Amino acid sequence: KKELFKRLLKRDQKDKNIASERMKQFKQDIMHWKEYDFTVINDKLESCYKLIINYISKRNDKKKFLDYNKEYIRKHINKLIN
């Protein structure tokens, strides 16, 4: 959450209120993760990159099924919103 707020502040340096308003939407926005085919936690750039490349590769090969640790994502989301 802290990193997101810092990024929002950098994006719109004119008004801190805009970043604060966007953060109010954070909890609602983050709960949409379940609606996506795949979710990646962007905490370590290199591992995140590898996961995304792996996902794209497997999506291009329709015969392969891609699974990921949804429970890990769920726990991470719960930490962020609580």
N, C-alpha and C. Protein backbone atom coordinates (compact mmCIF):
# COMPACT_ATOMS: atom_id res chain seq x y z
N LYS A 1 0.83 -1.19 0.00
CA LYS A 1 0.00 0.00 0.00
C LYS A 1 0.87 1.25 0.00
N LYS A 2 1.96 1.19 0.75
CA LYS A 2 2.86 2.35 0.80
C LYS A 2 3.46 2.64 -0.56
N GLU A 3 3.87 1.58 -1.24
CA GLU A 3 4.49 1.76 -2.56
C GLU A 3 3.48 2.33 -3.56
N LEU A 4 2.27 1.82 -3.52
CA LEU A 4 1.22 2.36 -4.40
C LEU A 4 1.00 3.84 -4.14
N PHE A 5 0.92 4.22 -2.88
CA PHE A 5 0.70 5.64 -2.55
C PHE A 5 1.86 6.50 -3.06
N LYS A 6 3.09 5.99 -2.91
CA LYS A 6 4.25 6.75 -3.42
C LYS A 6 4.17 6.91 -4.93
N ARG A 7 3.79 5.85 -5.62
CA ARG A 7 3.67 5.93 -7.08
C ARG A 7 2.57 6.91 -7.50
N LEU A 8 1.46 6.88 -6.79
CA LEU A 8 0.37 7.81 -7.11
C LEU A 8 0.80 9.25 -6.87
N LEU A 9 1.54 9.49 -5.81
CA LEU A 9 2.03 10.85 -5.54
C LEU A 9 2.97 11.33 -6.64
N LYS A 10 3.83 10.46 -7.12
CA LYS A 10 4.75 10.83 -8.19
C LYS A 10 4.00 11.12 -9.48
N ARG A 11 2.95 10.36 -9.71
CA ARG A 11 2.19 10.48 -10.95
C ARG A 11 1.47 11.83 -11.02
N ASP A 12 0.90 12.24 -9.90
CA ASP A 12 0.16 13.50 -9.88
C ASP A 12 0.71 14.36 -8.75
N GLN A 13 1.80 15.01 -9.00
CA GLN A 13 2.49 15.77 -7.97
C GLN A 13 1.76 17.06 -7.61
N LYS A 14 0.80 17.46 -8.40
CA LYS A 14 0.11 18.72 -8.15
C LYS A 14 -0.81 18.65 -6.93
N ASP A 15 -1.37 17.48 -6.69
CA ASP A 15 -2.40 17.41 -5.67
C ASP A 15 -2.35 16.09 -4.90
N LYS A 16 -1.98 16.17 -3.63
CA LYS A 16 -1.92 14.97 -2.78
C LYS A 16 -3.32 14.39 -2.56
N ASN A 17 -4.34 15.22 -2.66
CA ASN A 17 -5.71 14.75 -2.46
C ASN A 17 -6.13 13.72 -3.50
N ILE A 18 -5.62 13.87 -4.73
CA ILE A 18 -5.96 12.90 -5.77
C ILE A 18 -5.42 11.51 -5.39
N ALA A 19 -4.19 11.45 -4.94
CA ALA A 19 -3.60 10.18 -4.51
C ALA A 19 -4.38 9.61 -3.33
N SER A 20 -4.78 10.46 -2.41
CA SER A 20 -5.54 10.00 -1.24
C SER A 20 -6.90 9.45 -1.66
N GLU A 21 -7.54 10.10 -2.61
CA GLU A 21 -8.83 9.60 -3.10
C GLU A 21 -8.68 8.25 -3.78
N ARG A 22 -7.62 8.10 -4.56
CA ARG A 22 -7.37 6.82 -5.23
C ARG A 22 -7.13 5.71 -4.22
N MET A 23 -6.46 6.04 -3.13
CA MET A 23 -6.20 5.04 -2.09
C MET A 23 -7.49 4.60 -1.40
N LYS A 24 -8.48 5.47 -1.34
CA LYS A 24 -9.77 5.09 -0.76
C LYS A 24 -10.43 3.99 -1.59
N GLN A 25 -10.14 3.95 -2.88
CA GLN A 25 -10.70 2.93 -3.77
C GLN A 25 -9.89 1.63 -3.74
N PHE A 26 -8.73 1.67 -3.10
CA PHE A 26 -7.80 0.55 -3.11
C PHE A 26 -8.46 -0.78 -2.73
N LYS A 27 -9.17 -0.80 -1.62
CA LYS A 27 -9.75 -2.06 -1.14
C LYS A 27 -10.73 -2.63 -2.15
N GLN A 28 -11.58 -1.78 -2.71
CA GLN A 28 -12.54 -2.26 -3.71
C GLN A 28 -11.83 -2.75 -4.97
N ASP A 29 -10.84 -1.99 -5.42
CA ASP A 29 -10.13 -2.35 -6.65
C ASP A 29 -9.38 -3.66 -6.51
N ILE A 30 -8.72 -3.85 -5.40
CA ILE A 30 -7.88 -5.04 -5.23
C ILE A 30 -8.72 -6.33 -5.13
N MET A 31 -9.96 -6.20 -4.72
CA MET A 31 -10.81 -7.38 -4.59
C MET A 31 -11.23 -7.95 -5.95
N HIS A 32 -10.94 -7.26 -7.03
CA HIS A 32 -11.27 -7.74 -8.36
C HIS A 32 -10.28 -8.77 -8.88
N TRP A 33 -9.25 -9.08 -8.10
CA TRP A 33 -8.22 -10.01 -8.56
C TRP A 33 -8.83 -11.35 -8.97
N LYS A 34 -9.91 -11.76 -8.36
CA LYS A 34 -10.54 -13.05 -8.64
C LYS A 34 -11.13 -13.11 -10.05
N GLU A 35 -11.39 -11.96 -10.63
CA GLU A 35 -12.02 -11.90 -11.95
C GLU A 35 -11.03 -12.09 -13.10
N TYR A 36 -9.75 -12.10 -12.80
CA TYR A 36 -8.72 -12.22 -13.82
C TYR A 36 -8.29 -13.66 -14.01
N ASP A 37 -7.77 -13.95 -15.18
CA ASP A 37 -7.27 -15.30 -15.47
C ASP A 37 -6.02 -15.61 -14.67
N PHE A 38 -5.24 -14.59 -14.38
CA PHE A 38 -3.95 -14.80 -13.73
C PHE A 38 -3.60 -13.55 -12.93
N THR A 39 -3.01 -13.74 -11.76
CA THR A 39 -2.63 -12.63 -10.89
C THR A 39 -1.18 -12.78 -10.49
N VAL A 40 -0.44 -11.68 -10.54
CA VAL A 40 0.97 -11.68 -10.18
C VAL A 40 1.19 -10.60 -9.14
N ILE A 41 1.90 -10.96 -8.08
CA ILE A 41 2.28 -9.97 -7.07
C ILE A 41 3.61 -9.38 -7.50
N ASN A 42 3.61 -8.10 -7.71
CA ASN A 42 4.80 -7.42 -8.23
C ASN A 42 5.65 -6.92 -7.06
N ASP A 43 6.26 -7.86 -6.35
CA ASP A 43 7.12 -7.46 -5.22
C ASP A 43 8.59 -7.63 -5.55
N LYS A 44 8.91 -8.56 -6.44
CA LYS A 44 10.29 -8.76 -6.88
C LYS A 44 10.28 -8.78 -8.40
N LEU A 45 10.89 -7.78 -8.99
CA LEU A 45 10.81 -7.57 -10.43
C LEU A 45 11.18 -8.80 -11.24
N GLU A 46 12.31 -9.41 -10.93
CA GLU A 46 12.79 -10.55 -11.73
C GLU A 46 11.84 -11.74 -11.66
N SER A 47 11.36 -12.08 -10.48
CA SER A 47 10.44 -13.22 -10.37
C SER A 47 9.09 -12.89 -11.00
N CYS A 48 8.65 -11.67 -10.87
CA CYS A 48 7.39 -11.24 -11.48
C CYS A 48 7.50 -11.36 -13.01
N TYR A 49 8.60 -10.88 -13.54
CA TYR A 49 8.85 -10.96 -14.98
C TYR A 49 8.80 -12.41 -15.46
N LYS A 50 9.46 -13.30 -14.74
CA LYS A 50 9.50 -14.72 -15.12
C LYS A 50 8.10 -15.34 -15.09
N LEU A 51 7.32 -14.99 -14.09
CA LEU A 51 5.95 -15.51 -14.01
C LEU A 51 5.11 -15.05 -15.20
N ILE A 52 5.26 -13.80 -15.56
CA ILE A 52 4.48 -13.26 -16.68
C ILE A 52 4.90 -13.92 -17.99
N ILE A 53 6.20 -14.06 -18.21
CA ILE A 53 6.69 -14.72 -19.43
C ILE A 53 6.21 -16.17 -19.47
N ASN A 54 6.27 -16.86 -18.36
CA ASN A 54 5.79 -18.24 -18.28
C ASN A 54 4.29 -18.30 -18.60
N TYR A 55 3.54 -17.38 -18.07
CA TYR A 55 2.10 -17.33 -18.32
C TYR A 55 1.83 -17.13 -19.82
N ILE A 56 2.51 -16.18 -20.43
CA ILE A 56 2.31 -15.90 -21.86
C ILE A 56 2.67 -17.14 -22.69
N SER A 57 3.76 -17.77 -22.35
CA SER A 57 4.18 -18.97 -23.08
C SER A 57 3.13 -20.06 -23.00
N LYS A 58 2.62 -20.28 -21.82
CA LYS A 58 1.63 -21.35 -21.66
C LYS A 58 0.28 -20.97 -22.28
N ARG A 59 -0.05 -19.70 -22.27
CA ARG A 59 -1.30 -19.26 -22.92
C ARG A 59 -1.21 -19.46 -24.43
N ASN A 60 -0.01 -19.27 -24.98
CA ASN A 60 0.16 -19.45 -26.41
C ASN A 60 0.08 -20.91 -26.81
N ASP A 61 0.39 -21.81 -25.89
CA ASP A 61 0.27 -23.24 -26.12
C ASP A 61 -1.01 -23.69 -25.42
N LYS A 62 -2.09 -23.66 -26.13
CA LYS A 62 -3.42 -23.88 -25.54
C LYS A 62 -3.58 -25.26 -24.90
N LYS A 63 -2.68 -26.16 -25.18
CA LYS A 63 -2.78 -27.50 -24.61
C LYS A 63 -2.35 -27.53 -23.16
N LYS A 64 -1.61 -26.55 -22.73
CA LYS A 64 -1.11 -26.54 -21.36
C LYS A 64 -2.06 -25.77 -20.46
N PHE A 65 -2.22 -26.27 -19.27
CA PHE A 65 -3.04 -25.61 -18.26
C PHE A 65 -2.12 -24.89 -17.29
N LEU A 66 -2.43 -23.66 -17.04
CA LEU A 66 -1.60 -22.88 -16.13
C LEU A 66 -2.30 -22.74 -14.78
N ASP A 67 -1.60 -23.15 -13.75
CA ASP A 67 -2.13 -23.03 -12.40
C ASP A 67 -1.20 -22.13 -11.60
N TYR A 68 -1.75 -21.41 -10.65
CA TYR A 68 -0.92 -20.60 -9.77
C TYR A 68 -1.51 -20.64 -8.38
N ASN A 69 -0.75 -20.21 -7.42
CA ASN A 69 -1.10 -20.35 -6.02
C ASN A 69 -2.12 -19.28 -5.60
N LYS A 70 -3.37 -19.60 -5.79
CA LYS A 70 -4.44 -18.65 -5.48
C LYS A 70 -4.54 -18.38 -3.97
N GLU A 71 -4.22 -19.37 -3.18
CA GLU A 71 -4.26 -19.17 -1.72
C GLU A 71 -3.20 -18.16 -1.28
N TYR A 72 -2.04 -18.22 -1.89
CA TYR A 72 -0.98 -17.26 -1.60
C TYR A 72 -1.44 -15.84 -1.96
N ILE A 73 -2.07 -15.70 -3.12
CA ILE A 73 -2.60 -14.40 -3.55
C ILE A 73 -3.66 -13.92 -2.56
N ARG A 74 -4.57 -14.82 -2.19
CA ARG A 74 -5.64 -14.46 -1.26
C ARG A 74 -5.07 -13.95 0.07
N LYS A 75 -4.09 -14.64 0.60
CA LYS A 75 -3.47 -14.22 1.87
C LYS A 75 -2.78 -12.87 1.71
N HIS A 76 -2.12 -12.67 0.58
CA HIS A 76 -1.45 -11.39 0.33
C HIS A 76 -2.48 -10.25 0.27
N ILE A 77 -3.56 -10.48 -0.41
CA ILE A 77 -4.63 -9.48 -0.53
C ILE A 77 -5.19 -9.17 0.85
N ASN A 78 -5.43 -10.19 1.66
CA ASN A 78 -5.96 -9.97 3.00
C ASN A 78 -5.03 -9.11 3.86
N LYS A 79 -3.72 -9.34 3.71
CA LYS A 79 -2.76 -8.49 4.45
C LYS A 79 -2.86 -7.04 3.98
N LEU A 80 -3.05 -6.85 2.70
CA LEU A 80 -3.10 -5.49 2.15
C LEU A 80 -4.34 -4.71 2.60
N ILE A 81 -5.44 -5.41 2.73
CA ILE A 81 -6.68 -4.69 3.05
C ILE A 81 -7.00 -4.62 4.54
N ASN A 82 -6.26 -5.37 5.33
CA ASN A 82 -6.52 -5.33 6.77
C ASN A 82 -5.48 -4.53 7.51
